[in-house]
Every structure is written in C-alpha cells, then in structure tokens.
PDB file of N, CA and C in Angstrom:
ATOM      1  N   MET A   1      22.995   4.660   0.467  1.00  0.00           N
ATOM      2  CA  MET A   1      21.676   5.222   0.713  1.00  0.00           C
ATOM      3  C   MET A   1      21.127   4.609   1.997  1.00  0.00           C
ATOM      4  N   LYS A   2      20.549   5.433   2.869  1.00  0.00           N
ATOM      5  CA  LYS A   2      19.965   4.946   4.105  1.00  0.00           C
ATOM      6  C   LYS A   2      18.583   4.370   3.838  1.00  0.00           C
ATOM      7  N   LEU A   3      18.216   3.358   4.627  1.00  0.00           N
ATOM      8  CA  LEU A   3      16.903   2.738   4.505  1.00  0.00           C
ATOM      9  C   LEU A   3      15.812   3.786   4.643  1.00  0.00           C
ATOM     10  N   GLY A   4      14.843   3.731   3.747  1.00  0.00           N
ATOM     11  CA  GLY A   4      13.702   4.633   3.827  1.00  0.00           C
ATOM     12  C   GLY A   4      13.904   5.982   3.183  1.00  0.00           C
ATOM     13  N   THR A   5      15.027   6.205   2.512  1.00  0.00           N
ATOM     14  CA  THR A   5      15.250   7.519   1.905  1.00  0.00           C
ATOM     15  C   THR A   5      14.975   7.539   0.409  1.00  0.00           C
ATOM     16  N   LYS A   6      14.767   6.391  -0.209  1.00  0.00           N
ATOM     17  CA  LYS A   6      14.509   6.331  -1.646  1.00  0.00           C
ATOM     18  C   LYS A   6      13.015   6.487  -1.907  1.00  0.00           C
ATOM     19  N   HIS A   7      12.678   7.276  -2.906  1.00  0.00           N
ATOM     20  CA  HIS A   7      11.278   7.485  -3.271  1.00  0.00           C
ATOM     21  C   HIS A   7      10.955   6.681  -4.523  1.00  0.00           C
ATOM     22  N   GLY A   8       9.682   6.329  -4.668  1.00  0.00           N
ATOM     23  CA  GLY A   8       9.253   5.579  -5.840  1.00  0.00           C
ATOM     24  C   GLY A   8       8.626   4.267  -5.427  1.00  0.00           C
ATOM     25  N   ILE A   9       8.496   3.369  -6.363  1.00  0.00           N
ATOM     26  CA  ILE A   9       7.876   2.075  -6.118  1.00  0.00           C
ATOM     27  C   ILE A   9       8.737   1.293  -5.126  1.00  0.00           C
ATOM     28  N   ALA A  10       8.091   0.712  -4.112  1.00  0.00           N
ATOM     29  CA  ALA A  10       8.818  -0.073  -3.119  1.00  0.00           C
ATOM     30  C   ALA A  10       9.185  -1.446  -3.680  1.00  0.00           C
ATOM     31  N   VAL A  11       8.246  -2.067  -4.395  1.00  0.00           N
ATOM     32  CA  VAL A  11       8.488  -3.373  -5.010  1.00  0.00           C
ATOM     33  C   VAL A  11       7.921  -3.338  -6.418  1.00  0.00           C
ATOM     34  N   ASP A  12       8.730  -3.749  -7.379  1.00  0.00           N
ATOM     35  CA  ASP A  12       8.286  -3.908  -8.759  1.00  0.00           C
ATOM     36  C   ASP A  12       8.900  -5.215  -9.226  1.00  0.00           C
ATOM     37  N   ALA A  13       8.119  -6.288  -9.116  1.00  0.00           N
ATOM     38  CA  ALA A  13       8.641  -7.622  -9.384  1.00  0.00           C
ATOM     39  C   ALA A  13       7.852  -8.311 -10.493  1.00  0.00           C
ATOM     40  N   THR A  14       8.544  -9.104 -11.266  1.00  0.00           N
ATOM     41  CA  THR A  14       7.912  -9.897 -12.314  1.00  0.00           C
ATOM     42  C   THR A  14       8.291 -11.357 -12.097  1.00  0.00           C
ATOM     43  N   GLY A  15       7.290 -12.221 -12.176  1.00  0.00           N
ATOM     44  CA  GLY A  15       7.526 -13.646 -11.975  1.00  0.00           C
ATOM     45  C   GLY A  15       6.538 -14.461 -12.786  1.00  0.00           C
ATOM     46  N   LEU A  16       6.390 -15.714 -12.406  1.00  0.00           N
ATOM     47  CA  LEU A  16       5.518 -16.625 -13.135  1.00  0.00           C
ATOM     48  C   LEU A  16       4.057 -16.169 -13.158  1.00  0.00           C
ATOM     49  N   LYS A  17       3.629 -15.479 -12.122  1.00  0.00           N
ATOM     50  CA  LYS A  17       2.236 -15.013 -12.051  1.00  0.00           C
ATOM     51  C   LYS A  17       2.067 -13.585 -12.553  1.00  0.00           C
ATOM     52  N   GLY A  18       3.085 -13.033 -13.195  1.00  0.00           N
ATOM     53  CA  GLY A  18       2.979 -11.694 -13.752  1.00  0.00           C
ATOM     54  C   GLY A  18       3.730 -10.669 -12.929  1.00  0.00           C
ATOM     55  N   ARG A  19       3.347  -9.426 -13.117  1.00  0.00           N
ATOM     56  CA  ARG A  19       4.027  -8.304 -12.480  1.00  0.00           C
ATOM     57  C   ARG A  19       3.268  -7.874 -11.228  1.00  0.00           C
ATOM     58  N   LEU A  20       4.021  -7.508 -10.186  1.00  0.00           N
ATOM     59  CA  LEU A  20       3.465  -7.043  -8.924  1.00  0.00           C
ATOM     60  C   LEU A  20       4.123  -5.721  -8.560  1.00  0.00           C
ATOM     61  N   ILE A  21       3.290  -4.711  -8.286  1.00  0.00           N
ATOM     62  CA  ILE A  21       3.785  -3.398  -7.889  1.00  0.00           C
ATOM     63  C   ILE A  21       3.217  -3.089  -6.510  1.00  0.00           C
ATOM     64  N   ILE A  22       4.108  -2.775  -5.570  1.00  0.00           N
ATOM     65  CA  ILE A  22       3.687  -2.499  -4.198  1.00  0.00           C
ATOM     66  C   ILE A  22       4.285  -1.178  -3.736  1.00  0.00           C
ATOM     67  N   GLU A  23       3.456  -0.355  -3.114  1.00  0.00           N
ATOM     68  CA  GLU A  23       3.899   0.852  -2.425  1.00  0.00           C
ATOM     69  C   GLU A  23       3.914   0.535  -0.938  1.00  0.00           C
ATOM     70  N   ALA A  24       4.871   1.078  -0.218  1.00  0.00           N
ATOM     71  CA  ALA A  24       4.998   0.791   1.212  1.00  0.00           C
ATOM     72  C   ALA A  24       5.028   2.081   2.020  1.00  0.00           C
ATOM     73  N   VAL A  25       4.629   1.951   3.286  1.00  0.00           N
ATOM     74  CA  VAL A  25       4.683   3.061   4.227  1.00  0.00           C
ATOM     75  C   VAL A  25       5.076   2.493   5.582  1.00  0.00           C
ATOM     76  N   GLY A  26       5.782   3.288   6.372  1.00  0.00           N
ATOM     77  CA  GLY A  26       6.185   2.874   7.712  1.00  0.00           C
ATOM     78  C   GLY A  26       5.259   3.427   8.773  1.00  0.00           C
ATOM     79  N   ALA A  27       5.529   3.058  10.008  1.00  0.00           N
ATOM     80  CA  ALA A  27       4.742   3.551  11.145  1.00  0.00           C
ATOM     81  C   ALA A  27       5.301   4.904  11.594  1.00  0.00           C
ATOM     82  N   TYR A  28       4.425   5.756  12.073  1.00  0.00           N
ATOM     83  CA  TYR A  28       4.815   7.077  12.540  1.00  0.00           C
ATOM     84  C   TYR A  28       4.355   7.262  13.971  1.00  0.00           C
ATOM     85  N   LEU A  29       4.773   8.333  14.580  1.00  0.00           N
ATOM     86  CA  LEU A  29       4.524   8.529  16.010  1.00  0.00           C
ATOM     87  C   LEU A  29       3.111   8.985  16.346  1.00  0.00           C
ATOM     88  N   THR A  30       2.499   9.739  15.458  1.00  0.00           N
ATOM     89  CA  THR A  30       1.181  10.297  15.791  1.00  0.00           C
ATOM     90  C   THR A  30       0.113   9.771  14.847  1.00  0.00           C
ATOM     91  N   GLN A  31      -1.116   9.811  15.325  1.00  0.00           N
ATOM     92  CA  GLN A  31      -2.260   9.397  14.511  1.00  0.00           C
ATOM     93  C   GLN A  31      -2.337  10.242  13.245  1.00  0.00           C
ATOM     94  N   GLN A  32      -2.092  11.539  13.361  1.00  0.00           N
ATOM     95  CA  GLN A  32      -2.161  12.429  12.195  1.00  0.00           C
ATOM     96  C   GLN A  32      -1.110  12.048  11.154  1.00  0.00           C
ATOM     97  N   GLU A  33       0.108  11.726  11.594  1.00  0.00           N
ATOM     98  CA  GLU A  33       1.151  11.310  10.651  1.00  0.00           C
ATOM     99  C   GLU A  33       0.770   9.995   9.972  1.00  0.00           C
ATOM    100  N   ASP A  34       0.259   9.039  10.762  1.00  0.00           N
ATOM    101  CA  ASP A  34      -0.174   7.769  10.175  1.00  0.00           C
ATOM    102  C   ASP A  34      -1.265   7.995   9.140  1.00  0.00           C
ATOM    103  N   THR A  35      -2.234   8.834   9.464  1.00  0.00           N
ATOM    104  CA  THR A  35      -3.338   9.127   8.541  1.00  0.00           C
ATOM    105  C   THR A  35      -2.802   9.755   7.258  1.00  0.00           C
ATOM    106  N   ASN A  36      -1.944  10.750   7.391  1.00  0.00           N
ATOM    107  CA  ASN A  36      -1.387  11.430   6.214  1.00  0.00           C
ATOM    108  C   ASN A  36      -0.595  10.467   5.334  1.00  0.00           C
ATOM    109  N   HIS A  37       0.220   9.618   5.941  1.00  0.00           N
ATOM    110  CA  HIS A  37       1.044   8.703   5.157  1.00  0.00           C
ATOM    111  C   HIS A  37       0.215   7.580   4.539  1.00  0.00           C
ATOM    112  N   PHE A  38      -0.829   7.133   5.225  1.00  0.00           N
ATOM    113  CA  PHE A  38      -1.723   6.134   4.645  1.00  0.00           C
ATOM    114  C   PHE A  38      -2.399   6.707   3.397  1.00  0.00           C
ATOM    115  N   ASN A  39      -2.919   7.921   3.515  1.00  0.00           N
ATOM    116  CA  ASN A  39      -3.562   8.568   2.363  1.00  0.00           C
ATOM    117  C   ASN A  39      -2.562   8.787   1.234  1.00  0.00           C
ATOM    118  N   SER A  40      -1.341   9.108   1.579  1.00  0.00           N
ATOM    119  CA  SER A  40      -0.299   9.318   0.576  1.00  0.00           C
ATOM    120  C   SER A  40       0.023   8.032  -0.179  1.00  0.00           C
ATOM    121  N   VAL A  41       0.164   6.916   0.552  1.00  0.00           N
ATOM    122  CA  VAL A  41       0.493   5.655  -0.112  1.00  0.00           C
ATOM    123  C   VAL A  41      -0.656   5.204  -1.013  1.00  0.00           C
ATOM    124  N   LEU A  42      -1.891   5.473  -0.605  1.00  0.00           N
ATOM    125  CA  LEU A  42      -3.032   5.151  -1.476  1.00  0.00           C
ATOM    126  C   LEU A  42      -2.978   5.979  -2.755  1.00  0.00           C
ATOM    127  N   GLY A  43      -2.720   7.257  -2.616  1.00  0.00           N
ATOM    128  CA  GLY A  43      -2.615   8.121  -3.789  1.00  0.00           C
ATOM    129  C   GLY A  43      -1.501   7.682  -4.723  1.00  0.00           C
ATOM    130  N   GLN A  44      -0.370   7.271  -4.155  1.00  0.00           N
ATOM    131  CA  GLN A  44       0.766   6.837  -4.973  1.00  0.00           C
ATOM    132  C   GLN A  44       0.430   5.573  -5.766  1.00  0.00           C
ATOM    133  N   ILE A  45      -0.197   4.603  -5.119  1.00  0.00           N
ATOM    134  CA  ILE A  45      -0.490   3.355  -5.838  1.00  0.00           C
ATOM    135  C   ILE A  45      -1.573   3.582  -6.890  1.00  0.00           C
ATOM    136  N   ILE A  46      -2.539   4.420  -6.583  1.00  0.00           N
ATOM    137  CA  ILE A  46      -3.587   4.723  -7.573  1.00  0.00           C
ATOM    138  C   ILE A  46      -2.981   5.394  -8.805  1.00  0.00           C
ATOM    139  N   GLN A  47      -2.044   6.307  -8.604  1.00  0.00           N
ATOM    140  CA  GLN A  47      -1.405   6.975  -9.735  1.00  0.00           C
ATOM    141  C   GLN A  47      -0.579   6.010 -10.577  1.00  0.00           C
ATOM    142  N   ARG A  48      -0.122   4.925  -9.999  1.00  0.00           N
ATOM    143  CA  ARG A  48       0.673   3.932 -10.739  1.00  0.00           C
ATOM    144  C   ARG A  48      -0.199   2.934 -11.496  1.00  0.00           C
ATOM    145  N   MET A  49      -1.486   2.934 -11.242  1.00  0.00           N
ATOM    146  CA  MET A  49      -2.396   1.968 -11.880  1.00  0.00           C
ATOM    147  C   MET A  49      -2.701   2.395 -13.312  1.00  0.00           C
ATOM    148  N   SER A  50      -1.692   2.264 -14.170  1.00  0.00           N
ATOM    149  CA  SER A  50      -1.849   2.695 -15.558  1.00  0.00           C
ATOM    150  C   SER A  50      -2.066   1.538 -16.516  1.00  0.00           C
ATOM    151  N   ALA A  51      -1.890   0.311 -16.035  1.00  0.00           N
ATOM    152  CA  ALA A  51      -2.067  -0.861 -16.894  1.00  0.00           C
ATOM    153  C   ALA A  51      -2.865  -1.917 -16.137  1.00  0.00           C
ATOM    154  N   PRO A  52      -3.717  -2.673 -16.841  1.00  0.00           N
ATOM    155  CA  PRO A  52      -4.542  -3.671 -16.159  1.00  0.00           C
ATOM    156  C   PRO A  52      -3.791  -4.949 -15.771  1.00  0.00           C
ATOM    157  N   GLU A  53      -2.651  -5.218 -16.414  1.00  0.00           N
ATOM    158  CA  GLU A  53      -1.973  -6.491 -16.199  1.00  0.00           C
ATOM    159  C   GLU A  53      -1.326  -6.639 -14.821  1.00  0.00           C
ATOM    160  N   PRO A  54      -0.596  -5.657 -14.334  1.00  0.00           N
ATOM    161  CA  PRO A  54       0.056  -5.867 -13.038  1.00  0.00           C
ATOM    162  C   PRO A  54      -0.961  -6.009 -11.901  1.00  0.00           C
ATOM    163  N   ARG A  55      -0.523  -6.680 -10.848  1.00  0.00           N
ATOM    164  CA  ARG A  55      -1.275  -6.667  -9.598  1.00  0.00           C
ATOM    165  C   ARG A  55      -0.664  -5.562  -8.763  1.00  0.00           C
ATOM    166  N   TYR A  56      -1.505  -4.825  -8.057  1.00  0.00           N
ATOM    167  CA  TYR A  56      -1.054  -3.697  -7.266  1.00  0.00           C
ATOM    168  C   TYR A  56      -1.373  -3.937  -5.801  1.00  0.00           C
ATOM    169  N   GLY A  57      -0.529  -3.407  -4.928  1.00  0.00           N
ATOM    170  CA  GLY A  57      -0.782  -3.563  -3.505  1.00  0.00           C
ATOM    171  C   GLY A  57      -0.079  -2.499  -2.694  1.00  0.00           C
ATOM    172  N   ILE A  58      -0.409  -2.478  -1.415  1.00  0.00           N
ATOM    173  CA  ILE A  58       0.265  -1.596  -0.474  1.00  0.00           C
ATOM    174  C   ILE A  58       0.789  -2.438   0.683  1.00  0.00           C
ATOM    175  N   ALA A  59       1.923  -2.041   1.222  1.00  0.00           N
ATOM    176  CA  ALA A  59       2.525  -2.713   2.371  1.00  0.00           C
ATOM    177  C   ALA A  59       2.492  -1.737   3.540  1.00  0.00           C
ATOM    178  N   LEU A  60       1.918  -2.203   4.644  1.00  0.00           N
ATOM    179  CA  LEU A  60       1.728  -1.350   5.817  1.00  0.00           C
ATOM    180  C   LEU A  60       2.224  -2.057   7.067  1.00  0.00           C
ATOM    181  N   PRO A  61       2.580  -1.302   8.101  1.00  0.00           N
ATOM    182  CA  PRO A  61       2.901  -1.937   9.374  1.00  0.00           C
ATOM    183  C   PRO A  61       1.668  -2.675   9.909  1.00  0.00           C
ATOM    184  N   ASP A  62       1.880  -3.777  10.587  1.00  0.00           N
ATOM    185  CA  ASP A  62       0.775  -4.548  11.153  1.00  0.00           C
ATOM    186  C   ASP A  62       0.425  -3.968  12.523  1.00  0.00           C
ATOM    187  N   THR A  63      -0.280  -2.842  12.484  1.00  0.00           N
ATOM    188  CA  THR A  63      -0.717  -2.190  13.723  1.00  0.00           C
ATOM    189  C   THR A  63      -2.230  -2.025  13.682  1.00  0.00           C
ATOM    190  N   ARG A  64      -2.816  -1.835  14.834  1.00  0.00           N
ATOM    191  CA  ARG A  64      -4.271  -1.638  14.935  1.00  0.00           C
ATOM    192  C   ARG A  64      -4.683  -0.416  14.102  1.00  0.00           C
ATOM    193  N   LYS A  65      -3.898   0.666  14.133  1.00  0.00           N
ATOM    194  CA  LYS A  65      -4.252   1.875  13.376  1.00  0.00           C
ATOM    195  C   LYS A  65      -4.347   1.584  11.882  1.00  0.00           C
ATOM    196  N   TYR A  66      -3.341   0.899  11.349  1.00  0.00           N
ATOM    197  CA  TYR A  66      -3.352   0.629   9.907  1.00  0.00           C
ATOM    198  C   TYR A  66      -4.420  -0.395   9.538  1.00  0.00           C
ATOM    199  N   ARG A  67      -4.673  -1.375  10.396  1.00  0.00           N
ATOM    200  CA  ARG A  67      -5.770  -2.315  10.119  1.00  0.00           C
ATOM    201  C   ARG A  67      -7.103  -1.567  10.069  1.00  0.00           C
ATOM    202  N   ASP A  68      -7.292  -0.611  10.990  1.00  0.00           N
ATOM    203  CA  ASP A  68      -8.519   0.192  10.981  1.00  0.00           C
ATOM    204  C   ASP A  68      -8.625   1.020   9.701  1.00  0.00           C
ATOM    205  N   PHE A  69      -7.503   1.595   9.254  1.00  0.00           N
ATOM    206  CA  PHE A  69      -7.522   2.365   8.001  1.00  0.00           C
ATOM    207  C   PHE A  69      -7.967   1.478   6.841  1.00  0.00           C
ATOM    208  N   VAL A  70      -7.409   0.266   6.762  1.00  0.00           N
ATOM    209  CA  VAL A  70      -7.748  -0.645   5.668  1.00  0.00           C
ATOM    210  C   VAL A  70      -9.212  -1.061   5.758  1.00  0.00           C
ATOM    211  N   HIS A  71      -9.690  -1.351   6.969  1.00  0.00           N
ATOM    212  CA  HIS A  71     -11.103  -1.709   7.141  1.00  0.00           C
ATOM    213  C   HIS A  71     -12.028  -0.580   6.706  1.00  0.00           C
ATOM    214  N   GLY A  72     -11.554   0.654   6.788  1.00  0.00           N
ATOM    215  CA  GLY A  72     -12.359   1.808   6.391  1.00  0.00           C
ATOM    216  C   GLY A  72     -12.470   2.004   4.886  1.00  0.00           C
ATOM    217  N   LEU A  73     -11.643   1.294   4.131  1.00  0.00           N
ATOM    218  CA  LEU A  73     -11.708   1.400   2.673  1.00  0.00           C
ATOM    219  C   LEU A  73     -12.928   0.649   2.150  1.00  0.00           C
ATOM    220  N   PRO A  74     -13.486   1.095   1.038  1.00  0.00           N
ATOM    221  CA  PRO A  74     -14.576   0.335   0.422  1.00  0.00           C
ATOM    222  C   PRO A  74     -14.098  -1.074   0.065  1.00  0.00           C
ATOM    223  N   ARG A  75     -15.001  -2.038   0.115  1.00  0.00           N
ATOM    224  CA  ARG A  75     -14.663  -3.438  -0.165  1.00  0.00           C
ATOM    225  C   ARG A  75     -13.978  -3.599  -1.519  1.00  0.00           C
ATOM    226  N   LEU A  76     -14.468  -2.931  -2.549  1.00  0.00           N
ATOM    227  CA  LEU A  76     -13.868  -3.052  -3.885  1.00  0.00           C
ATOM    228  C   LEU A  76     -12.408  -2.589  -3.867  1.00  0.00           C
ATOM    229  N   ALA A  77     -12.126  -1.500  -3.172  1.00  0.00           N
ATOM    230  CA  ALA A  77     -10.749  -1.007  -3.089  1.00  0.00           C
ATOM    231  C   ALA A  77      -9.860  -2.036  -2.400  1.00  0.00           C
ATOM    232  N   ARG A  78     -10.348  -2.648  -1.320  1.00  0.00           N
ATOM    233  CA  ARG A  78      -9.568  -3.683  -0.627  1.00  0.00           C
ATOM    234  C   ARG A  78      -9.324  -4.874  -1.546  1.00  0.00           C
ATOM    235  N   GLN A  79     -10.337  -5.257  -2.315  1.00  0.00           N
ATOM    236  CA  GLN A  79     -10.178  -6.390  -3.230  1.00  0.00           C
ATOM    237  C   GLN A  79      -9.150  -6.091  -4.313  1.00  0.00           C
ATOM    238  N   ARG A  80      -9.224  -4.914  -4.893  1.00  0.00           N
ATOM    239  CA  ARG A  80      -8.311  -4.545  -5.964  1.00  0.00           C
ATOM    240  C   ARG A  80      -6.861  -4.459  -5.484  1.00  0.00           C
ATOM    241  N   LEU A  81      -6.693  -4.114  -4.198  1.00  0.00           N
ATOM    242  CA  LEU A  81      -5.349  -4.042  -3.638  1.00  0.00           C
ATOM    243  C   LEU A  81      -4.900  -5.372  -3.040  1.00  0.00           C
ATOM    244  N   GLY A  82      -5.743  -6.390  -3.192  1.00  0.00           N
ATOM    245  CA  GLY A  82      -5.360  -7.706  -2.694  1.00  0.00           C
ATOM    246  C   GLY A  82      -5.336  -7.794  -1.186  1.00  0.00           C
ATOM    247  N   SER A  83      -6.136  -6.979  -0.525  1.00  0.00           N
ATOM    248  CA  SER A  83      -6.140  -6.951   0.932  1.00  0.00           C
ATOM    249  C   SER A  83      -6.713  -8.244   1.501  1.00  0.00           C
ATOM    250  N   PRO A  84      -6.015  -8.829   2.467  1.00  0.00           N
ATOM    251  CA  PRO A  84      -6.569 -10.011   3.125  1.00  0.00           C
ATOM    252  C   PRO A  84      -7.768  -9.606   3.997  1.00  0.00           C
ATOM    253  N   SER A  85      -8.580 -10.569   4.350  1.00  0.00           N
ATOM    254  CA  SER A  85      -9.679 -10.304   5.261  1.00  0.00           C
ATOM    255  C   SER A  85      -9.140 -10.371   6.673  1.00  0.00           C
ATOM    256  N   PHE A  86      -9.078  -9.233   7.322  1.00  0.00           N
ATOM    257  CA  PHE A  86      -8.594  -9.196   8.692  1.00  0.00           C
ATOM    258  C   PHE A  86      -9.689  -9.680   9.624  1.00  0.00           C
ATOM    259  N   SER A  87      -9.295 -10.419  10.636  1.00  0.00           N
ATOM    260  CA  SER A  87     -10.290 -10.886  11.608  1.00  0.00           C
ATOM    261  C   SER A  87     -10.443  -9.885  12.729  1.00  0.00           C
TER     262      SER A  87
END
C-alpha cells in the first residue's frame, strides 16, 4: 500500500494514559484544497467521538494556513482536540 492511500483513523493508540485517536491530513497545493481537507478532517474526528474516554486530536502540516484554520476554531473546540496554544 502506498503512503496516504489508506482511509480511516490515522492513529488509534492505547497506553498508560488511555486511548488516543487522531485523524490526519496532508498539505495541498491550493487554499481551496487545504480548506476542504481541513473541514473534512474535522468532520471525520467529530464523527469518531462516540465515547468520552478516548482523547481525540487532529494532525496537520505545520504551515501558516493550517495554523490560521486552527486559530479560527472556537476555543472549546481547540481545547477538546488538545490543540496547543500557537504563538
């Protein structure tokens, strides 16, 4: 299987601190593609939030566009996704 061709949860790990589920998205060439994929990854992680025990998160490229997208989310959404405070 080629990298990036599998669909589903990107990370589903269990350890001493419990279960962690992460959805991931890559960088795209256009602002519209980045916007669409950011919205898609948010929708995917929200649909997976079926139990209170796991911690949930999203993994994004460290680019100005994605940092701006995350800053645009409501504070509660950033907290629930474990988002760091970007400077």
